[in-house]
């Protein structure tokens, strides 16, 4: 059986990976556009196969918004979102007690 801390840690890890995915998609999109706005040679290369690059940029945008949707989903059937993480933390507030935090510090967690 999972402990309260294990349940919270699992939710936190899922939340972390969702945020990390959204960040990766967003910054890849920004970087692509930043490079093309400053590098004429890169822009010329991209313009040789515009459909390919538009498809990839569209995929990055879509993936970013899908990840944001998973993070902030308000559907009650959603298994993991920011509300679930916060509710888990509130229901298990004792895992944030001074004693619990001190135990984590001693264990090096």
PDB file of N, CA and C in Angstrom:
ATOM      1  N   UNK A   1       0.846  -1.197   0.000  1.00  0.00           N
ATOM      2  CA  UNK A   1       0.000   0.000   0.000  1.00  0.00           C
ATOM      3  C   UNK A   1       0.883   1.248   0.000  1.00  0.00           C
ATOM      4  N   UNK A   2       0.498   2.202  -0.803  1.00  0.00           N
ATOM      5  CA  UNK A   2       1.276   3.431  -0.905  1.00  0.00           C
ATOM      6  C   UNK A   2       1.037   4.319   0.310  1.00  0.00           C
ATOM      7  N   UNK A   3       2.101   4.956   0.754  1.00  0.00           N
ATOM      8  CA  UNK A   3       1.970   5.922   1.839  1.00  0.00           C
ATOM      9  C   UNK A   3       1.448   7.236   1.268  1.00  0.00           C
ATOM     10  N   UNK A   4       1.048   8.121   2.168  1.00  0.00           N
ATOM     11  CA  UNK A   4       0.594   9.447   1.739  1.00  0.00           C
ATOM     12  C   UNK A   4       1.695  10.166   0.966  1.00  0.00           C
ATOM     13  N   UNK A   5       2.908  10.040   1.467  1.00  0.00           N
ATOM     14  CA  UNK A   5       4.029  10.694   0.801  1.00  0.00           C
ATOM     15  C   UNK A   5       4.270  10.109  -0.582  1.00  0.00           C
ATOM     16  N   UNK A   6       4.128   8.793  -0.705  1.00  0.00           N
ATOM     17  CA  UNK A   6       4.305   8.149  -2.010  1.00  0.00           C
ATOM     18  C   UNK A   6       3.257   8.637  -3.004  1.00  0.00           C
ATOM     19  N   UNK A   7       2.016   8.766  -2.541  1.00  0.00           N
ATOM     20  CA  UNK A   7       0.940   9.223  -3.424  1.00  0.00           C
ATOM     21  C   UNK A   7       1.208  10.655  -3.893  1.00  0.00           C
ATOM     22  N   UNK A   8       1.617  11.512  -2.948  1.00  0.00           N
ATOM     23  CA  UNK A   8       1.907  12.893  -3.321  1.00  0.00           C
ATOM     24  C   UNK A   8       3.114  12.960  -4.254  1.00  0.00           C
ATOM     25  N   UNK A   9       4.148  12.203  -3.931  1.00  0.00           N
ATOM     26  CA  UNK A   9       5.355  12.199  -4.758  1.00  0.00           C
ATOM     27  C   UNK A   9       5.047  11.737  -6.175  1.00  0.00           C
ATOM     28  N   UNK A  10       4.181  10.746  -6.307  1.00  0.00           N
ATOM     29  CA  UNK A  10       3.798  10.261  -7.636  1.00  0.00           C
ATOM     30  C   UNK A  10       3.067  11.354  -8.414  1.00  0.00           C
ATOM     31  N   UNK A  11       2.114  12.019  -7.773  1.00  0.00           N
ATOM     32  CA  UNK A  11       1.391  13.112  -8.440  1.00  0.00           C
ATOM     33  C   UNK A  11       2.340  14.243  -8.819  1.00  0.00           C
ATOM     34  N   UNK A  12       3.262  14.565  -7.929  1.00  0.00           N
ATOM     35  CA  UNK A  12       4.216  15.632  -8.199  1.00  0.00           C
ATOM     36  C   UNK A  12       5.115  15.277  -9.382  1.00  0.00           C
ATOM     37  N   UNK A  13       5.534  14.029  -9.471  1.00  0.00           N
ATOM     38  CA  UNK A  13       6.390  13.590 -10.578  1.00  0.00           C
ATOM     39  C   UNK A  13       5.636  13.650 -11.909  1.00  0.00           C
ATOM     40  N   UNK A  14       4.384  13.231 -11.908  1.00  0.00           N
ATOM     41  CA  UNK A  14       3.571  13.315 -13.128  1.00  0.00           C
ATOM     42  C   UNK A  14       3.422  14.776 -13.544  1.00  0.00           C
ATOM     43  N   UNK A  15       3.136  15.634 -12.579  1.00  0.00           N
ATOM     44  CA  UNK A  15       2.990  17.063 -12.852  1.00  0.00           C
ATOM     45  C   UNK A  15       4.292  17.640 -13.406  1.00  0.00           C
ATOM     46  N   UNK A  16       5.420  17.252 -12.816  1.00  0.00           N
ATOM     47  CA  UNK A  16       6.723  17.735 -13.273  1.00  0.00           C
ATOM     48  C   UNK A  16       6.986  17.342 -14.725  1.00  0.00           C
ATOM     49  N   UNK A  17       6.678  16.104 -15.073  1.00  0.00           N
ATOM     50  CA  UNK A  17       6.942  15.660 -16.445  1.00  0.00           C
ATOM     51  C   UNK A  17       6.026  16.360 -17.443  1.00  0.00           C
ATOM     52  N   UNK A  18       4.793  16.633 -17.054  1.00  0.00           N
ATOM     53  CA  UNK A  18       3.881  17.364 -17.942  1.00  0.00           C
ATOM     54  C   UNK A  18       4.382  18.788 -18.170  1.00  0.00           C
ATOM     55  N   UNK A  19       4.818  19.437 -17.106  1.00  0.00           N
ATOM     56  CA  UNK A  19       5.339  20.797 -17.235  1.00  0.00           C
ATOM     57  C   UNK A  19       6.609  20.802 -18.076  1.00  0.00           C
ATOM     58  N   UNK A  20       7.466  19.834 -17.827  1.00  0.00           N
ATOM     59  CA  UNK A  20       8.711  19.741 -18.593  1.00  0.00           C
ATOM     60  C   UNK A  20       8.426  19.567 -20.088  1.00  0.00           C
ATOM     61  N   UNK A  21       7.448  18.758 -20.414  1.00  0.00           N
ATOM     62  CA  UNK A  21       7.079  18.571 -21.823  1.00  0.00           C
ATOM     63  C   UNK A  21       6.595  19.877 -22.440  1.00  0.00           C
ATOM     64  N   UNK A  22       5.700  20.560 -21.735  1.00  0.00           N
ATOM     65  CA  UNK A  22       5.176  21.828 -22.250  1.00  0.00           C
ATOM     66  C   UNK A  22       6.309  22.830 -22.471  1.00  0.00           C
ATOM     67  N   UNK A  23       7.227  22.899 -21.532  1.00  0.00           N
ATOM     68  CA  UNK A  23       8.358  23.825 -21.647  1.00  0.00           C
ATOM     69  C   UNK A  23       9.223  23.475 -22.855  1.00  0.00           C
ATOM     70  N   UNK A  24       9.502  22.202 -23.048  1.00  0.00           N
ATOM     71  CA  UNK A  24      10.330  21.786 -24.183  1.00  0.00           C
ATOM     72  C   UNK A  24       9.685  22.167 -25.509  1.00  0.00           C
ATOM     73  N   UNK A  25       8.389  21.901 -25.649  1.00  0.00           N
ATOM     74  CA  UNK A  25       7.699  22.235 -26.896  1.00  0.00           C
ATOM     75  C   UNK A  25       7.700  23.745 -27.128  1.00  0.00           C
ATOM     76  N   UNK A  26       7.419  24.502 -26.074  1.00  0.00           N
ATOM     77  CA  UNK A  26       7.347  25.955 -26.186  1.00  0.00           C
ATOM     78  C   UNK A  26       8.699  26.555 -26.569  1.00  0.00           C
ATOM     79  N   UNK A  27       9.752  26.144 -25.888  1.00  0.00           N
ATOM     80  CA  UNK A  27      11.067  26.716 -26.179  1.00  0.00           C
ATOM     81  C   UNK A  27      11.623  26.253 -27.519  1.00  0.00           C
ATOM     82  N   UNK A  28      11.279  25.062 -27.944  1.00  0.00           N
ATOM     83  CA  UNK A  28      11.688  24.629 -29.290  1.00  0.00           C
ATOM     84  C   UNK A  28      11.033  25.533 -30.334  1.00  0.00           C
ATOM     85  N   UNK A  29       9.750  25.830 -30.134  1.00  0.00           N
ATOM     86  CA  UNK A  29       9.028  26.732 -31.030  1.00  0.00           C
ATOM     87  C   UNK A  29       9.667  28.124 -31.038  1.00  0.00           C
ATOM     88  N   UNK A  30       9.927  28.673 -29.850  1.00  0.00           N
ATOM     89  CA  UNK A  30      10.538  30.002 -29.762  1.00  0.00           C
ATOM     90  C   UNK A  30      11.927  30.038 -30.393  1.00  0.00           C
ATOM     91  N   UNK A  31      12.710  29.014 -30.137  1.00  0.00           N
ATOM     92  CA  UNK A  31      14.071  28.964 -30.675  1.00  0.00           C
ATOM     93  C   UNK A  31      14.061  28.908 -32.190  1.00  0.00           C
ATOM     94  N   UNK A  32      13.199  28.080 -32.742  1.00  0.00           N
ATOM     95  CA  UNK A  32      13.086  27.971 -34.194  1.00  0.00           C
ATOM     96  C   UNK A  32      12.798  29.339 -34.803  1.00  0.00           C
ATOM     97  N   UNK A  33      11.808  30.028 -34.248  1.00  0.00           N
ATOM     98  CA  UNK A  33      11.446  31.344 -34.776  1.00  0.00           C
ATOM     99  C   UNK A  33      12.543  32.379 -34.550  1.00  0.00           C
ATOM    100  N   UNK A  34      13.222  32.315 -33.424  1.00  0.00           N
ATOM    101  CA  UNK A  34      14.300  33.266 -33.144  1.00  0.00           C
ATOM    102  C   UNK A  34      15.455  33.083 -34.121  1.00  0.00           C
ATOM    103  N   UNK A  35      15.810  31.846 -34.383  1.00  0.00           N
ATOM    104  CA  UNK A  35      16.907  31.579 -35.324  1.00  0.00           C
ATOM    105  C   UNK A  35      16.546  32.088 -36.711  1.00  0.00           C
ATOM    106  N   UNK A  36      15.332  31.795 -37.155  1.00  0.00           N
ATOM    107  CA  UNK A  36      14.933  32.219 -38.502  1.00  0.00           C
ATOM    108  C   UNK A  36      14.828  33.734 -38.628  1.00  0.00           C
ATOM    109  N   UNK A  37      14.485  34.407 -37.543  1.00  0.00           N
ATOM    110  CA  UNK A  37      14.372  35.869 -37.616  1.00  0.00           C
ATOM    111  C   UNK A  37      15.735  36.552 -37.679  1.00  0.00           C
ATOM    112  N   UNK A  38      16.797  35.838 -37.273  1.00  0.00           N
ATOM    113  CA  UNK A  38      18.128  36.447 -37.232  1.00  0.00           C
ATOM    114  C   UNK A  38      19.096  35.886 -38.266  1.00  0.00           C
ATOM    115  N   UNK A  39      18.766  34.749 -38.853  1.00  0.00           N
ATOM    116  CA  UNK A  39      19.719  34.071 -39.741  1.00  0.00           C
ATOM    117  C   UNK A  39      19.091  33.861 -41.116  1.00  0.00           C
ATOM    118  N   UNK A  40      19.463  34.723 -42.057  1.00  0.00           N
ATOM    119  CA  UNK A  40      18.906  34.663 -43.419  1.00  0.00           C
ATOM    120  C   UNK A  40      19.231  33.335 -44.089  1.00  0.00           C
ATOM    121  N   UNK A  41      20.414  32.807 -43.855  1.00  0.00           N
ATOM    122  CA  UNK A  41      20.813  31.540 -44.462  1.00  0.00           C
ATOM    123  C   UNK A  41      19.911  30.395 -43.968  1.00  0.00           C
ATOM    124  N   UNK A  42      19.634  30.391 -42.677  1.00  0.00           N
ATOM    125  CA  UNK A  42      18.743  29.365 -42.121  1.00  0.00           C
ATOM    126  C   UNK A  42      17.339  29.514 -42.700  1.00  0.00           C
ATOM    127  N   UNK A  43      16.879  30.745 -42.824  1.00  0.00           N
ATOM    128  CA  UNK A  43      15.556  30.994 -43.406  1.00  0.00           C
ATOM    129  C   UNK A  43      15.489  30.493 -44.840  1.00  0.00           C
ATOM    130  N   UNK A  44      16.530  30.741 -45.607  1.00  0.00           N
ATOM    131  CA  UNK A  44      16.571  30.259 -46.994  1.00  0.00           C
ATOM    132  C   UNK A  44      16.517  28.731 -47.048  1.00  0.00           C
ATOM    133  N   UNK A  45      17.224  28.075 -46.137  1.00  0.00           N
ATOM    134  CA  UNK A  45      17.200  26.604 -46.094  1.00  0.00           C
ATOM    135  C   UNK A  45      15.807  26.082 -45.737  1.00  0.00           C
ATOM    136  N   UNK A  46      15.175  26.720 -44.775  1.00  0.00           N
ATOM    137  CA  UNK A  46      13.829  26.307 -44.366  1.00  0.00           C
ATOM    138  C   UNK A  46      12.840  26.526 -45.503  1.00  0.00           C
ATOM    139  N   UNK A  47      13.006  27.602 -46.234  1.00  0.00           N
ATOM    140  CA  UNK A  47      12.090  27.915 -47.329  1.00  0.00           C
ATOM    141  C   UNK A  47      12.198  26.949 -48.505  1.00  0.00           C
ATOM    142  N   UNK A  48      13.201  26.104 -48.507  1.00  0.00           N
ATOM    143  CA  UNK A  48      13.298  25.075 -49.552  1.00  0.00           C
ATOM    144  C   UNK A  48      12.250  23.981 -49.354  1.00  0.00           C
ATOM    145  N   UNK A  49      11.893  23.744 -48.115  1.00  0.00           N
ATOM    146  CA  UNK A  49      10.894  22.704 -47.796  1.00  0.00           C
ATOM    147  C   UNK A  49       9.893  23.270 -46.780  1.00  0.00           C
ATOM    148  N   UNK A  50       9.121  24.268 -47.190  1.00  0.00           N
ATOM    149  CA  UNK A  50       8.257  24.954 -46.228  1.00  0.00           C
ATOM    150  C   UNK A  50       7.176  24.071 -45.612  1.00  0.00           C
ATOM    151  N   UNK A  51       6.616  23.150 -46.377  1.00  0.00           N
ATOM    152  CA  UNK A  51       5.564  22.301 -45.824  1.00  0.00           C
ATOM    153  C   UNK A  51       6.089  21.465 -44.659  1.00  0.00           C
ATOM    154  N   UNK A  52       7.273  20.921 -44.818  1.00  0.00           N
ATOM    155  CA  UNK A  52       7.887  20.136 -43.749  1.00  0.00           C
ATOM    156  C   UNK A  52       8.025  20.971 -42.476  1.00  0.00           C
ATOM    157  N   UNK A  53       8.543  22.183 -42.616  1.00  0.00           N
ATOM    158  CA  UNK A  53       8.799  23.006 -41.443  1.00  0.00           C
ATOM    159  C   UNK A  53       7.512  23.564 -40.844  1.00  0.00           C
ATOM    160  N   UNK A  54       6.534  23.911 -41.684  1.00  0.00           N
ATOM    161  CA  UNK A  54       5.237  24.355 -41.144  1.00  0.00           C
ATOM    162  C   UNK A  54       4.574  23.231 -40.372  1.00  0.00           C
ATOM    163  N   UNK A  55       4.705  22.009 -40.896  1.00  0.00           N
ATOM    164  CA  UNK A  55       4.138  20.850 -40.209  1.00  0.00           C
ATOM    165  C   UNK A  55       4.798  20.662 -38.845  1.00  0.00           C
ATOM    166  N   UNK A  56       6.109  20.788 -38.800  1.00  0.00           N
ATOM    167  CA  UNK A  56       6.821  20.616 -37.534  1.00  0.00           C
ATOM    168  C   UNK A  56       6.506  21.721 -36.535  1.00  0.00           C
ATOM    169  N   UNK A  57       6.445  22.943 -37.007  1.00  0.00           N
ATOM    170  CA  UNK A  57       6.094  24.053 -36.115  1.00  0.00           C
ATOM    171  C   UNK A  57       4.663  23.878 -35.602  1.00  0.00           C
ATOM    172  N   UNK A  58       3.764  23.470 -36.480  1.00  0.00           N
ATOM    173  CA  UNK A  58       2.391  23.204 -36.055  1.00  0.00           C
ATOM    174  C   UNK A  58       2.328  22.087 -35.031  1.00  0.00           C
ATOM    175  N   UNK A  59       3.148  21.062 -35.218  1.00  0.00           N
ATOM    176  CA  UNK A  59       3.183  19.953 -34.258  1.00  0.00           C
ATOM    177  C   UNK A  59       3.692  20.426 -32.898  1.00  0.00           C
ATOM    178  N   UNK A  60       4.692  21.290 -32.897  1.00  0.00           N
ATOM    179  CA  UNK A  60       5.193  21.836 -31.630  1.00  0.00           C
ATOM    180  C   UNK A  60       4.118  22.656 -30.920  1.00  0.00           C
ATOM    181  N   UNK A  61       3.413  23.481 -31.681  1.00  0.00           N
ATOM    182  CA  UNK A  61       2.342  24.286 -31.085  1.00  0.00           C
ATOM    183  C   UNK A  61       1.243  23.392 -30.526  1.00  0.00           C
ATOM    184  N   UNK A  62       0.837  22.406 -31.306  1.00  0.00           N
ATOM    185  CA  UNK A  62      -0.219  21.495 -30.860  1.00  0.00           C
ATOM    186  C   UNK A  62       0.207  20.739 -29.611  1.00  0.00           C
ATOM    187  N   UNK A  63       1.423  20.213 -29.620  1.00  0.00           N
ATOM    188  CA  UNK A  63       1.919  19.465 -28.467  1.00  0.00           C
ATOM    189  C   UNK A  63       1.986  20.356 -27.225  1.00  0.00           C
ATOM    190  N   UNK A  64       2.369  21.607 -27.404  1.00  0.00           N
ATOM    191  CA  UNK A  64       2.423  22.550 -26.285  1.00  0.00           C
ATOM    192  C   UNK A  64       1.036  22.739 -25.677  1.00  0.00           C
ATOM    193  N   UNK A  65       0.032  22.981 -26.526  1.00  0.00           N
ATOM    194  CA  UNK A  65      -1.307  23.212 -26.005  1.00  0.00           C
ATOM    195  C   UNK A  65      -1.940  21.944 -25.439  1.00  0.00           C
ATOM    196  N   UNK A  66      -1.614  20.800 -25.986  1.00  0.00           N
ATOM    197  CA  UNK A  66      -2.097  19.535 -25.419  1.00  0.00           C
ATOM    198  C   UNK A  66      -1.514  19.349 -24.018  1.00  0.00           C
ATOM    199  N   UNK A  67      -0.225  19.625 -23.871  1.00  0.00           N
ATOM    200  CA  UNK A  67       0.412  19.502 -22.553  1.00  0.00           C
ATOM    201  C   UNK A  67      -0.212  20.484 -21.561  1.00  0.00           C
ATOM    202  N   UNK A  68      -0.434  21.725 -21.990  1.00  0.00           N
ATOM    203  CA  UNK A  68      -1.105  22.690 -21.113  1.00  0.00           C
ATOM    204  C   UNK A  68      -2.504  22.212 -20.747  1.00  0.00           C
ATOM    205  N   UNK A  69      -3.194  21.629 -21.717  1.00  0.00           N
ATOM    206  CA  UNK A  69      -4.529  21.095 -21.456  1.00  0.00           C
ATOM    207  C   UNK A  69      -4.504  20.016 -20.392  1.00  0.00           C
ATOM    208  N   UNK A  70      -3.511  19.143 -20.446  1.00  0.00           N
ATOM    209  CA  UNK A  70      -3.408  18.088 -19.431  1.00  0.00           C
ATOM    210  C   UNK A  70      -3.107  18.683 -18.056  1.00  0.00           C
ATOM    211  N   UNK A  71      -2.295  19.717 -18.013  1.00  0.00           N
ATOM    212  CA  UNK A  71      -1.930  20.334 -16.735  1.00  0.00           C
ATOM    213  C   UNK A  71      -3.126  21.030 -16.095  1.00  0.00           C
ATOM    214  N   UNK A  72      -3.885  21.775 -16.892  1.00  0.00           N
ATOM    215  CA  UNK A  72      -4.962  22.603 -16.356  1.00  0.00           C
ATOM    216  C   UNK A  72      -6.359  22.051 -16.627  1.00  0.00           C
ATOM    217  N   UNK A  73      -6.471  20.816 -17.065  1.00  0.00           N
ATOM    218  CA  UNK A  73      -7.758  20.199 -17.385  1.00  0.00           C
ATOM    219  C   UNK A  73      -8.706  20.296 -16.193  1.00  0.00           C
ATOM    220  N   UNK A  74      -9.917  20.773 -16.433  1.00  0.00           N
ATOM    221  CA  UNK A  74     -10.913  20.907 -15.369  1.00  0.00           C
ATOM    222  C   UNK A  74     -11.941  19.776 -15.372  1.00  0.00           C
ATOM    223  N   UNK A  75     -11.771  18.813 -16.254  1.00  0.00           N
ATOM    224  CA  UNK A  75     -12.680  17.672 -16.316  1.00  0.00           C
ATOM    225  C   UNK A  75     -12.485  16.818 -15.070  1.00  0.00           C
ATOM    226  N   UNK A  76     -13.561  16.513 -14.382  1.00  0.00           N
ATOM    227  CA  UNK A  76     -13.464  15.739 -13.139  1.00  0.00           C
ATOM    228  C   UNK A  76     -12.963  14.322 -13.383  1.00  0.00           C
ATOM    229  N   UNK A  77     -13.061  13.834 -14.612  1.00  0.00           N
ATOM    230  CA  UNK A  77     -12.571  12.487 -14.929  1.00  0.00           C
ATOM    231  C   UNK A  77     -11.068  12.463 -15.195  1.00  0.00           C
ATOM    232  N   UNK A  78     -10.460  13.624 -15.275  1.00  0.00           N
ATOM    233  CA  UNK A  78      -9.020  13.696 -15.524  1.00  0.00           C
ATOM    234  C   UNK A  78      -8.265  13.108 -14.334  1.00  0.00           C
ATOM    235  N   UNK A  79      -7.348  12.198 -14.618  1.00  0.00           N
ATOM    236  CA  UNK A  79      -6.618  11.531 -13.534  1.00  0.00           C
ATOM    237  C   UNK A  79      -5.536  12.410 -12.925  1.00  0.00           C
ATOM    238  N   UNK A  80      -4.923  13.262 -13.734  1.00  0.00           N
ATOM    239  CA  UNK A  80      -3.794  14.052 -13.254  1.00  0.00           C
ATOM    240  C   UNK A  80      -3.876  15.464 -13.816  1.00  0.00           C
ATOM    241  N   UNK A  81      -3.907  16.439 -12.930  1.00  0.00           N
ATOM    242  CA  UNK A  81      -3.865  17.845 -13.316  1.00  0.00           C
ATOM    243  C   UNK A  81      -3.453  18.655 -12.092  1.00  0.00           C
ATOM    244  N   UNK A  82      -3.347  19.953 -12.252  1.00  0.00           N
ATOM    245  CA  UNK A  82      -2.895  20.794 -11.150  1.00  0.00           C
ATOM    246  C   UNK A  82      -3.866  20.721  -9.970  1.00  0.00           C
ATOM    247  N   UNK A  83      -5.160  20.614 -10.233  1.00  0.00           N
ATOM    248  CA  UNK A  83      -6.135  20.516  -9.150  1.00  0.00           C
ATOM    249  C   UNK A  83      -5.948  19.239  -8.344  1.00  0.00           C
ATOM    250  N   UNK A  84      -5.706  18.136  -9.033  1.00  0.00           N
ATOM    251  CA  UNK A  84      -5.472  16.857  -8.348  1.00  0.00           C
ATOM    252  C   UNK A  84      -4.231  16.949  -7.461  1.00  0.00           C
ATOM    253  N   UNK A  85      -3.177  17.567  -7.976  1.00  0.00           N
ATOM    254  CA  UNK A  85      -1.948  17.731  -7.193  1.00  0.00           C
ATOM    255  C   UNK A  85      -2.213  18.566  -5.943  1.00  0.00           C
ATOM    256  N   UNK A  86      -2.899  19.696  -6.102  1.00  0.00           N
ATOM    257  CA  UNK A  86      -3.180  20.565  -4.959  1.00  0.00           C
ATOM    258  C   UNK A  86      -4.117  19.897  -3.960  1.00  0.00           C
ATOM    259  N   UNK A  87      -5.130  19.187  -4.451  1.00  0.00           N
ATOM    260  CA  UNK A  87      -6.035  18.466  -3.548  1.00  0.00           C
ATOM    261  C   UNK A  87      -5.299  17.387  -2.773  1.00  0.00           C
ATOM    262  N   UNK A  88      -4.405  16.677  -3.451  1.00  0.00           N
ATOM    263  CA  UNK A  88      -3.614  15.648  -2.778  1.00  0.00           C
ATOM    264  C   UNK A  88      -2.767  16.285  -1.680  1.00  0.00           C
ATOM    265  N   UNK A  89      -2.161  17.423  -1.971  1.00  0.00           N
ATOM    266  CA  UNK A  89      -1.342  18.117  -0.972  1.00  0.00           C
ATOM    267  C   UNK A  89      -2.193  18.590   0.205  1.00  0.00           C
ATOM    268  N   UNK A  90      -3.387  19.107  -0.069  1.00  0.00           N
ATOM    269  CA  UNK A  90      -4.254  19.590   1.008  1.00  0.00           C
ATOM    270  C   UNK A  90      -4.762  18.447   1.881  1.00  0.00           C
ATOM    271  N   UNK A  91      -5.142  17.344   1.259  1.00  0.00           N
ATOM    272  CA  UNK A  91      -5.659  16.204   2.020  1.00  0.00           C
ATOM    273  C   UNK A  91      -4.576  15.535   2.858  1.00  0.00           C
ATOM    274  N   UNK A  92      -3.347  15.707   2.445  1.00  0.00           N
ATOM    275  CA  UNK A  92      -2.237  15.053   3.137  1.00  0.00           C
ATOM    276  C   UNK A  92      -1.263  16.097   3.670  1.00  0.00           C
ATOM    277  N   UNK A  93      -1.821  17.152   4.233  1.00  0.00           N
ATOM    278  CA  UNK A  93      -1.003  18.273   4.697  1.00  0.00           C
ATOM    279  C   UNK A  93       0.007  17.854   5.757  1.00  0.00           C
ATOM    280  N   UNK A  94      -0.265  16.769   6.462  1.00  0.00           N
ATOM    281  CA  UNK A  94       0.663  16.340   7.510  1.00  0.00           C
ATOM    282  C   UNK A  94       2.029  15.928   6.954  1.00  0.00           C
ATOM    283  N   UNK A  95       2.110  15.642   5.664  1.00  0.00           N
ATOM    284  CA  UNK A  95       3.421  15.300   5.095  1.00  0.00           C
ATOM    285  C   UNK A  95       4.312  16.532   4.977  1.00  0.00           C
ATOM    286  N   UNK A  96       3.729  17.715   5.225  1.00  0.00           N
ATOM    287  CA  UNK A  96       4.489  18.958   5.201  1.00  0.00           C
ATOM    288  C   UNK A  96       4.747  19.503   6.605  1.00  0.00           C
ATOM    289  N   UNK A  97       4.445  18.714   7.620  1.00  0.00           N
ATOM    290  CA  UNK A  97       4.667  19.157   8.998  1.00  0.00           C
ATOM    291  C   UNK A  97       6.160  19.333   9.254  1.00  0.00           C
ATOM    292  N   UNK A  98       6.475  20.075  10.288  1.00  0.00           N
ATOM    293  CA  UNK A  98       7.888  20.287  10.643  1.00  0.00           C
ATOM    294  C   UNK A  98       8.594  18.967  10.891  1.00  0.00           C
ATOM    295  N   UNK A  99       7.896  18.055  11.568  1.00  0.00           N
ATOM    296  CA  UNK A  99       8.493  16.755  11.884  1.00  0.00           C
ATOM    297  C   UNK A  99       8.774  15.950  10.612  1.00  0.00           C
ATOM    298  N   UNK A 100       7.817  15.945   9.691  1.00  0.00           N
ATOM    299  CA  UNK A 100       7.990  15.184   8.446  1.00  0.00           C
ATOM    300  C   UNK A 100       9.107  15.782   7.595  1.00  0.00           C
ATOM    301  N   UNK A 101       9.152  17.098   7.531  1.00  0.00           N
ATOM    302  CA  UNK A 101      10.202  17.756   6.754  1.00  0.00           C
ATOM    303  C   UNK A 101      11.575  17.531   7.384  1.00  0.00           C
ATOM    304  N   UNK A 102      11.628  17.543   8.717  1.00  0.00           N
ATOM    305  CA  UNK A 102      12.892  17.265   9.409  1.00  0.00           C
ATOM    306  C   UNK A 102      13.341  15.829   9.146  1.00  0.00           C
ATOM    307  N   UNK A 103      12.397  14.890   9.131  1.00  0.00           N
ATOM    308  CA  UNK A 103      12.728  13.489   8.841  1.00  0.00           C
ATOM    309  C   UNK A 103      13.295  13.361   7.425  1.00  0.00           C
ATOM    310  N   UNK A 104      12.717  14.072   6.489  1.00  0.00           N
ATOM    311  CA  UNK A 104      13.235  14.065   5.109  1.00  0.00           C
ATOM    312  C   UNK A 104      14.650  14.630   5.056  1.00  0.00           C
ATOM    313  N   UNK A 105      14.853  15.701   5.803  1.00  0.00           N
ATOM    314  CA  UNK A 105      16.175  16.320   5.813  1.00  0.00           C
ATOM    315  C   UNK A 105      17.212  15.350   6.374  1.00  0.00           C
ATOM    316  N   UNK A 106      16.861  14.665   7.461  1.00  0.00           N
ATOM    317  CA  UNK A 106      17.789  13.701   8.069  1.00  0.00           C
ATOM    318  C   UNK A 106      18.077  12.531   7.137  1.00  0.00           C
ATOM    319  N   UNK A 107      17.063  12.114   6.387  1.00  0.00           N
ATOM    320  CA  UNK A 107      17.231  10.980   5.468  1.00  0.00           C
ATOM    321  C   UNK A 107      17.917  11.398   4.167  1.00  0.00           C
ATOM    322  N   UNK A 108      18.058  12.691   3.985  1.00  0.00           N
ATOM    323  CA  UNK A 108      18.717  13.180   2.772  1.00  0.00           C
ATOM    324  C   UNK A 108      17.832  13.150   1.546  1.00  0.00           C
ATOM    325  N   UNK A 109      16.517  13.233   1.731  1.00  0.00           N
ATOM    326  CA  UNK A 109      15.584  13.193   0.595  1.00  0.00           C
ATOM    327  C   UNK A 109      15.308  14.563   0.054  1.00  0.00           C
TER     328      UNK A 109
END
